[in-house]
PDB file of N, CA and C in Angstrom:
ATOM      1  N   GLU A   1     -18.295   2.826  48.793  1.00  0.00           N
ATOM      2  CA  GLU A   1     -18.565   3.075  47.370  1.00  0.00           C
ATOM      3  C   GLU A   1     -19.715   3.832  47.059  1.00  0.00           C
ATOM      4  N   TRP A   2     -19.791   4.715  46.400  1.00  0.00           N
ATOM      5  CA  TRP A   2     -20.868   5.723  46.044  1.00  0.00           C
ATOM      6  C   TRP A   2     -21.679   5.290  44.853  1.00  0.00           C
ATOM      7  N   ASN A   3     -23.020   4.953  45.139  1.00  0.00           N
ATOM      8  CA  ASN A   3     -23.869   4.536  44.063  1.00  0.00           C
ATOM      9  C   ASN A   3     -25.020   5.473  43.906  1.00  0.00           C
ATOM     10  N   GLN A   4     -25.165   5.887  42.704  1.00  0.00           N
ATOM     11  CA  GLN A   4     -26.131   6.945  42.517  1.00  0.00           C
ATOM     12  C   GLN A   4     -27.374   6.017  41.771  1.00  0.00           C
ATOM     13  N   GLN A   5     -28.660   6.114  42.553  1.00  0.00           N
ATOM     14  CA  GLN A   5     -29.955   5.383  42.111  1.00  0.00           C
ATOM     15  C   GLN A   5     -30.962   6.503  41.926  1.00  0.00           C
ATOM     16  N   GLU A   6     -31.853   5.969  40.832  1.00  0.00           N
ATOM     17  CA  GLU A   6     -32.968   6.697  40.738  1.00  0.00           C
ATOM     18  C   GLU A   6     -34.280   5.977  40.709  1.00  0.00           C
ATOM     19  N   VAL A   7     -35.238   6.172  41.302  1.00  0.00           N
ATOM     20  CA  VAL A   7     -36.434   5.646  41.299  1.00  0.00           C
ATOM     21  C   VAL A   7     -37.660   6.455  40.761  1.00  0.00           C
ATOM     22  N   ILE A   8     -38.271   5.796  39.806  1.00  0.00           N
ATOM     23  CA  ILE A   8     -39.579   6.602  39.063  1.00  0.00           C
ATOM     24  C   ILE A   8     -40.729   5.647  39.277  1.00  0.00           C
ATOM     25  N   VAL A   9     -41.792   6.273  39.846  1.00  0.00           N
ATOM     26  CA  VAL A   9     -42.969   5.730  40.238  1.00  0.00           C
ATOM     27  C   VAL A   9     -43.961   6.467  39.576  1.00  0.00           C
ATOM     28  N   GLN A  10     -44.796   5.538  38.650  1.00  0.00           N
ATOM     29  CA  GLN A  10     -46.099   6.192  38.067  1.00  0.00           C
ATOM     30  C   GLN A  10     -46.990   5.093  38.364  1.00  0.00           C
ATOM     31  N   HIS A  11     -47.578   5.126  39.456  1.00  0.00           N
ATOM     32  CA  HIS A  11     -48.525   3.869  39.821  1.00  0.00           C
ATOM     33  C   HIS A  11     -49.403   3.298  38.603  1.00  0.00           C
ATOM     34  N   PRO A  12     -49.363   2.162  38.455  1.00  0.00           N
ATOM     35  CA  PRO A  12     -48.261   0.825  39.116  1.00  0.00           C
ATOM     36  C   PRO A  12     -46.974   0.676  38.741  1.00  0.00           C
ATOM     37  N   TYR A  13     -46.536   1.489  37.815  1.00  0.00           N
ATOM     38  CA  TYR A  13     -45.325   1.248  37.124  1.00  0.00           C
ATOM     39  C   TYR A  13     -44.057   1.932  38.089  1.00  0.00           C
ATOM     40  N   ILE A  14     -43.005   1.091  37.881  1.00  0.00           N
ATOM     41  CA  ILE A  14     -41.663   1.587  38.725  1.00  0.00           C
ATOM     42  C   ILE A  14     -40.584   1.230  37.870  1.00  0.00           C
ATOM     43  N   LYS A  15     -39.696   2.013  37.956  1.00  0.00           N
ATOM     44  CA  LYS A  15     -38.423   1.957  37.080  1.00  0.00           C
ATOM     45  C   LYS A  15     -37.020   2.290  38.327  1.00  0.00           C
ATOM     46  N   VAL A  16     -36.216   1.245  38.343  1.00  0.00           N
ATOM     47  CA  VAL A  16     -35.138   1.578  39.087  1.00  0.00           C
ATOM     48  C   VAL A  16     -33.684   1.680  38.445  1.00  0.00           C
ATOM     49  N   ILE A  17     -33.088   3.019  38.553  1.00  0.00           N
ATOM     50  CA  ILE A  17     -31.999   2.971  37.540  1.00  0.00           C
ATOM     51  C   ILE A  17     -30.835   3.267  38.699  1.00  0.00           C
ATOM     52  N   LEU A  18     -29.557   2.338  38.619  1.00  0.00           N
ATOM     53  CA  LEU A  18     -28.398   2.188  39.427  1.00  0.00           C
ATOM     54  C   LEU A  18     -27.227   2.724  38.682  1.00  0.00           C
ATOM     55  N   ASN A  19     -26.737   3.785  38.982  1.00  0.00           N
ATOM     56  CA  ASN A  19     -25.643   4.091  38.205  1.00  0.00           C
ATOM     57  C   ASN A  19     -25.503   4.236  36.793  1.00  0.00           C
ATOM     58  N   GLY A  20     -26.995   4.648  36.157  1.00  0.00           N
ATOM     59  CA  GLY A  20     -26.903   4.903  34.833  1.00  0.00           C
ATOM     60  C   GLY A  20     -27.630   3.468  34.064  1.00  0.00           C
ATOM     61  N   THR A  21     -27.834   2.457  34.876  1.00  0.00           N
ATOM     62  CA  THR A  21     -28.332   1.222  34.202  1.00  0.00           C
ATOM     63  C   THR A  21     -29.575   0.828  34.928  1.00  0.00           C
ATOM     64  N   THR A  22     -30.719   0.590  34.115  1.00  0.00           N
ATOM     65  CA  THR A  22     -31.987   0.212  34.212  1.00  0.00           C
ATOM     66  C   THR A  22     -31.895  -1.286  35.146  1.00  0.00           C
ATOM     67  N   ILE A  23     -32.200  -1.417  36.608  1.00  0.00           N
ATOM     68  CA  ILE A  23     -32.155  -2.967  37.090  1.00  0.00           C
ATOM     69  C   ILE A  23     -33.456  -3.296  37.479  1.00  0.00           C
ATOM     70  N   LEU A  24     -34.389  -2.405  37.267  1.00  0.00           N
ATOM     71  CA  LEU A  24     -35.676  -3.083  37.512  1.00  0.00           C
ATOM     72  C   LEU A  24     -36.810  -2.119  36.796  1.00  0.00           C
ATOM     73  N   GLU A  25     -38.042  -2.735  36.012  1.00  0.00           N
ATOM     74  CA  GLU A  25     -38.976  -2.073  35.358  1.00  0.00           C
ATOM     75  C   GLU A  25     -40.044  -2.735  35.129  1.00  0.00           C
ATOM     76  N   GLY A  26     -41.092  -2.387  35.609  1.00  0.00           N
ATOM     77  CA  GLY A  26     -42.315  -3.040  35.421  1.00  0.00           C
ATOM     78  C   GLY A  26     -43.768  -2.597  36.271  1.00  0.00           C
ATOM     79  N   ASP A  27     -44.960  -3.314  36.389  1.00  0.00           N
ATOM     80  CA  ASP A  27     -45.831  -3.090  36.803  1.00  0.00           C
ATOM     81  C   ASP A  27     -46.016  -3.845  37.987  1.00  0.00           C
ATOM     82  N   TYR A  28     -45.871  -3.238  39.290  1.00  0.00           N
ATOM     83  CA  TYR A  28     -45.838  -3.936  40.485  1.00  0.00           C
ATOM     84  C   TYR A  28     -47.208  -4.511  40.772  1.00  0.00           C
ATOM     85  N   LEU A  29     -48.243  -4.236  40.309  1.00  0.00           N
ATOM     86  CA  LEU A  29     -49.533  -4.739  40.703  1.00  0.00           C
ATOM     87  C   LEU A  29     -49.781  -6.141  39.931  1.00  0.00           C
ATOM     88  N   GLU A  30     -49.324  -6.010  38.446  1.00  0.00           N
ATOM     89  CA  GLU A  30     -49.303  -7.259  37.889  1.00  0.00           C
ATOM     90  C   GLU A  30     -48.461  -8.240  38.243  1.00  0.00           C
ATOM     91  N   ALA A  31     -47.086  -7.818  38.856  1.00  0.00           N
ATOM     92  CA  ALA A  31     -46.141  -8.819  39.217  1.00  0.00           C
ATOM     93  C   ALA A  31     -46.561  -9.562  40.656  1.00  0.00           C
ATOM     94  N   SER A  32     -47.553  -8.807  41.241  1.00  0.00           N
ATOM     95  CA  SER A  32     -47.791  -9.276  42.568  1.00  0.00           C
ATOM     96  C   SER A  32     -49.431  -9.809  42.399  1.00  0.00           C
ATOM     97  N   LYS A  33     -50.062  -9.894  41.467  1.00  0.00           N
ATOM     98  CA  LYS A  33     -51.663 -10.460  41.203  1.00  0.00           C
ATOM     99  C   LYS A  33     -51.469 -11.722  41.935  1.00  0.00           C
ATOM    100  N   ASN A  34     -50.450 -12.701  41.731  1.00  0.00           N
ATOM    101  CA  ASN A  34     -50.686 -13.919  42.328  1.00  0.00           C
ATOM    102  C   ASN A  34     -49.993 -14.264  43.724  1.00  0.00           C
ATOM    103  N   GLY A  35     -49.780 -12.832  44.168  1.00  0.00           N
ATOM    104  CA  GLY A  35     -49.117 -12.943  45.655  1.00  0.00           C
ATOM    105  C   GLY A  35     -47.862 -12.413  45.532  1.00  0.00           C
ATOM    106  N   THR A  36     -47.213 -11.722  46.658  1.00  0.00           N
ATOM    107  CA  THR A  36     -45.782 -11.364  46.841  1.00  0.00           C
ATOM    108  C   THR A  36     -44.915 -12.510  47.317  1.00  0.00           C
ATOM    109  N   LEU A  37     -43.653 -12.282  46.944  1.00  0.00           N
ATOM    110  CA  LEU A  37     -42.610 -13.267  47.527  1.00  0.00           C
ATOM    111  C   LEU A  37     -42.697 -13.769  48.727  1.00  0.00           C
ATOM    112  N   ASP A  38     -42.959 -12.872  49.684  1.00  0.00           N
ATOM    113  CA  ASP A  38     -43.053 -13.335  51.012  1.00  0.00           C
ATOM    114  C   ASP A  38     -44.278 -13.744  51.538  1.00  0.00           C
ATOM    115  N   GLN A  39     -45.533 -13.673  50.415  1.00  0.00           N
ATOM    116  CA  GLN A  39     -46.781 -14.174  50.651  1.00  0.00           C
ATOM    117  C   GLN A  39     -47.409 -13.650  52.002  1.00  0.00           C
ATOM    118  N   LYS A  40     -47.027 -12.173  51.894  1.00  0.00           N
ATOM    119  CA  LYS A  40     -47.932 -11.379  53.140  1.00  0.00           C
ATOM    120  C   LYS A  40     -48.597 -10.319  52.334  1.00  0.00           C
ATOM    121  N   GLU A  41     -49.643  -9.820  53.221  1.00  0.00           N
ATOM    122  CA  GLU A  41     -50.418  -8.870  52.624  1.00  0.00           C
ATOM    123  C   GLU A  41     -49.634  -7.315  52.603  1.00  0.00           C
ATOM    124  N   HIS A  42     -49.855  -6.734  51.780  1.00  0.00           N
ATOM    125  CA  HIS A  42     -49.164  -5.344  51.161  1.00  0.00           C
ATOM    126  C   HIS A  42     -50.102  -4.376  50.832  1.00  0.00           C
ATOM    127  N   PRO A  43     -50.895  -3.821  51.816  1.00  0.00           N
ATOM    128  CA  PRO A  43     -52.070  -3.163  51.072  1.00  0.00           C
ATOM    129  C   PRO A  43     -51.566  -1.659  50.486  1.00  0.00           C
ATOM    130  N   GLY A  44     -50.370  -1.285  50.771  1.00  0.00           N
ATOM    131  CA  GLY A  44     -49.750  -0.299  50.210  1.00  0.00           C
ATOM    132  C   GLY A  44     -49.456  -0.187  48.764  1.00  0.00           C
ATOM    133  N   LEU A  45     -49.694  -1.586  48.124  1.00  0.00           N
ATOM    134  CA  LEU A  45     -49.398  -1.784  46.712  1.00  0.00           C
ATOM    135  C   LEU A  45     -50.502  -1.157  46.064  1.00  0.00           C
ATOM    136  N   GLN A  46     -51.739  -1.159  46.437  1.00  0.00           N
ATOM    137  CA  GLN A  46     -52.848  -0.527  45.776  1.00  0.00           C
ATOM    138  C   GLN A  46     -52.818   1.196  45.951  1.00  0.00           C
ATOM    139  N   ARG A  47     -52.248   1.536  46.805  1.00  0.00           N
ATOM    140  CA  ARG A  47     -52.095   3.243  46.829  1.00  0.00           C
ATOM    141  C   ARG A  47     -51.508   3.800  45.745  1.00  0.00           C
ATOM    142  N   SER A  48     -51.971   5.020  45.507  1.00  0.00           N
ATOM    143  CA  SER A  48     -51.263   5.659  44.194  1.00  0.00           C
ATOM    144  C   SER A  48     -50.603   7.065  44.866  1.00  0.00           C
ATOM    145  N   LYS A  49     -50.775   6.899  46.356  1.00  0.00           N
ATOM    146  CA  LYS A  49     -50.005   8.372  46.976  1.00  0.00           C
ATOM    147  C   LYS A  49     -49.947   8.061  48.313  1.00  0.00           C
ATOM    148  N   GLY A  50     -49.025   8.437  49.046  1.00  0.00           N
ATOM    149  CA  GLY A  50     -48.807   8.487  50.631  1.00  0.00           C
ATOM    150  C   GLY A  50     -47.429   8.751  50.923  1.00  0.00           C
ATOM    151  N   HIS A  51     -46.966   7.751  51.833  1.00  0.00           N
ATOM    152  CA  HIS A  51     -45.479   7.874  52.636  1.00  0.00           C
ATOM    153  C   HIS A  51     -44.527   7.175  51.792  1.00  0.00           C
ATOM    154  N   ILE A  52     -43.401   7.500  51.565  1.00  0.00           N
ATOM    155  CA  ILE A  52     -42.186   6.977  51.229  1.00  0.00           C
ATOM    156  C   ILE A  52     -41.321   6.211  52.243  1.00  0.00           C
ATOM    157  N   GLY A  53     -41.130   4.799  52.107  1.00  0.00           N
ATOM    158  CA  GLY A  53     -40.336   4.345  53.072  1.00  0.00           C
ATOM    159  C   GLY A  53     -39.038   3.714  52.373  1.00  0.00           C
ATOM    160  N   PHE A  54     -38.001   4.081  53.108  1.00  0.00           N
ATOM    161  CA  PHE A  54     -36.578   3.661  52.753  1.00  0.00           C
ATOM    162  C   PHE A  54     -36.175   2.308  53.574  1.00  0.00           C
ATOM    163  N   LEU A  55     -36.237   1.202  53.046  1.00  0.00           N
ATOM    164  CA  LEU A  55     -35.964  -0.217  54.098  1.00  0.00           C
ATOM    165  C   LEU A  55     -34.513  -0.828  53.556  1.00  0.00           C
ATOM    166  N   GLY A  56     -34.130  -1.508  54.636  1.00  0.00           N
ATOM    167  CA  GLY A  56     -32.840  -2.091  54.489  1.00  0.00           C
ATOM    168  C   GLY A  56     -33.057  -3.585  54.604  1.00  0.00           C
ATOM    169  N   HIS A  57     -34.383  -4.055  54.858  1.00  0.00           N
ATOM    170  CA  HIS A  57     -34.510  -5.555  55.070  1.00  0.00           C
ATOM    171  C   HIS A  57     -33.728  -6.187  56.007  1.00  0.00           C
ATOM    172  N   GLY A  58     -33.568  -5.439  57.192  1.00  0.00           N
ATOM    173  CA  GLY A  58     -32.547  -6.162  58.082  1.00  0.00           C
ATOM    174  C   GLY A  58     -31.343  -5.646  58.065  1.00  0.00           C
ATOM    175  N   ASP A  59     -30.814  -5.068  57.040  1.00  0.00           N
ATOM    176  CA  ASP A  59     -29.435  -4.639  56.890  1.00  0.00           C
ATOM    177  C   ASP A  59     -29.472  -3.092  57.290  1.00  0.00           C
ATOM    178  N   VAL A  60     -28.117  -2.492  57.624  1.00  0.00           N
ATOM    179  CA  VAL A  60     -27.889  -1.223  57.928  1.00  0.00           C
ATOM    180  C   VAL A  60     -27.893  -0.591  56.473  1.00  0.00           C
ATOM    181  N   VAL A  61     -28.575   0.502  56.330  1.00  0.00           N
ATOM    182  CA  VAL A  61     -28.506   1.347  55.021  1.00  0.00           C
ATOM    183  C   VAL A  61     -28.271   2.770  55.438  1.00  0.00           C
ATOM    184  N   HIS A  62     -27.513   3.626  54.598  1.00  0.00           N
ATOM    185  CA  HIS A  62     -27.230   4.922  54.817  1.00  0.00           C
ATOM    186  C   HIS A  62     -27.981   5.659  53.505  1.00  0.00           C
ATOM    187  N   PHE A  63     -28.458   6.731  53.511  1.00  0.00           N
ATOM    188  CA  PHE A  63     -28.921   7.555  52.520  1.00  0.00           C
ATOM    189  C   PHE A  63     -28.383   9.052  52.723  1.00  0.00           C
ATOM    190  N   ARG A  64     -28.049   9.667  51.441  1.00  0.00           N
ATOM    191  CA  ARG A  64     -27.669  11.140  51.630  1.00  0.00           C
ATOM    192  C   ARG A  64     -28.052  11.691  50.082  1.00  0.00           C
ATOM    193  N   ASN A  65     -28.347  12.942  50.379  1.00  0.00           N
ATOM    194  CA  ASN A  65     -28.470  13.827  49.091  1.00  0.00           C
ATOM    195  C   ASN A  65     -29.943  13.168  48.539  1.00  0.00           C
ATOM    196  N   ILE A  66     -30.950  13.055  49.448  1.00  0.00           N
ATOM    197  CA  ILE A  66     -32.258  12.562  48.535  1.00  0.00           C
ATOM    198  C   ILE A  66     -32.922  13.520  48.224  1.00  0.00           C
ATOM    199  N   ARG A  67     -33.348  13.431  47.028  1.00  0.00           N
ATOM    200  CA  ARG A  67     -34.516  14.504  46.377  1.00  0.00           C
ATOM    201  C   ARG A  67     -35.581  13.858  45.872  1.00  0.00           C
ATOM    202  N   ILE A  68     -36.783  14.415  46.201  1.00  0.00           N
ATOM    203  CA  ILE A  68     -37.992  13.932  45.679  1.00  0.00           C
ATOM    204  C   ILE A  68     -38.658  15.000  44.591  1.00  0.00           C
ATOM    205  N   LYS A  69     -39.104  14.452  43.722  1.00  0.00           N
ATOM    206  CA  LYS A  69     -39.755  15.336  42.702  1.00  0.00           C
ATOM    207  C   LYS A  69     -41.105  14.655  42.228  1.00  0.00           C
ATOM    208  N   GLU A  70     -42.233  15.556  42.146  1.00  0.00           N
ATOM    209  CA  GLU A  70     -43.368  15.190  41.806  1.00  0.00           C
ATOM    210  C   GLU A  70     -43.302  15.368  40.235  1.00  0.00           C
ATOM    211  N   LEU A  71     -43.766  13.975  39.616  1.00  0.00           N
ATOM    212  CA  LEU A  71     -43.860  13.773  38.046  1.00  0.00           C
ATOM    213  C   LEU A  71     -45.063  14.537  37.572  1.00  0.00           C
TER     214      LEU A  71
END
């Protein structure tokens, strides 16, 4: 199955669009002010620039046709 996903990040706001439908939108610093779901430290949340990571959280994932555009 082919899914088209768009991720827009303007620190600290993020918007994730999957197949034309917004599935996540918000301020990740505000959402994590009382801690993250896994209750672990995530110093990268404070950074406004740096590396991009594609994670499957233990599952195998495949990516193709990745494009990165600076806003």
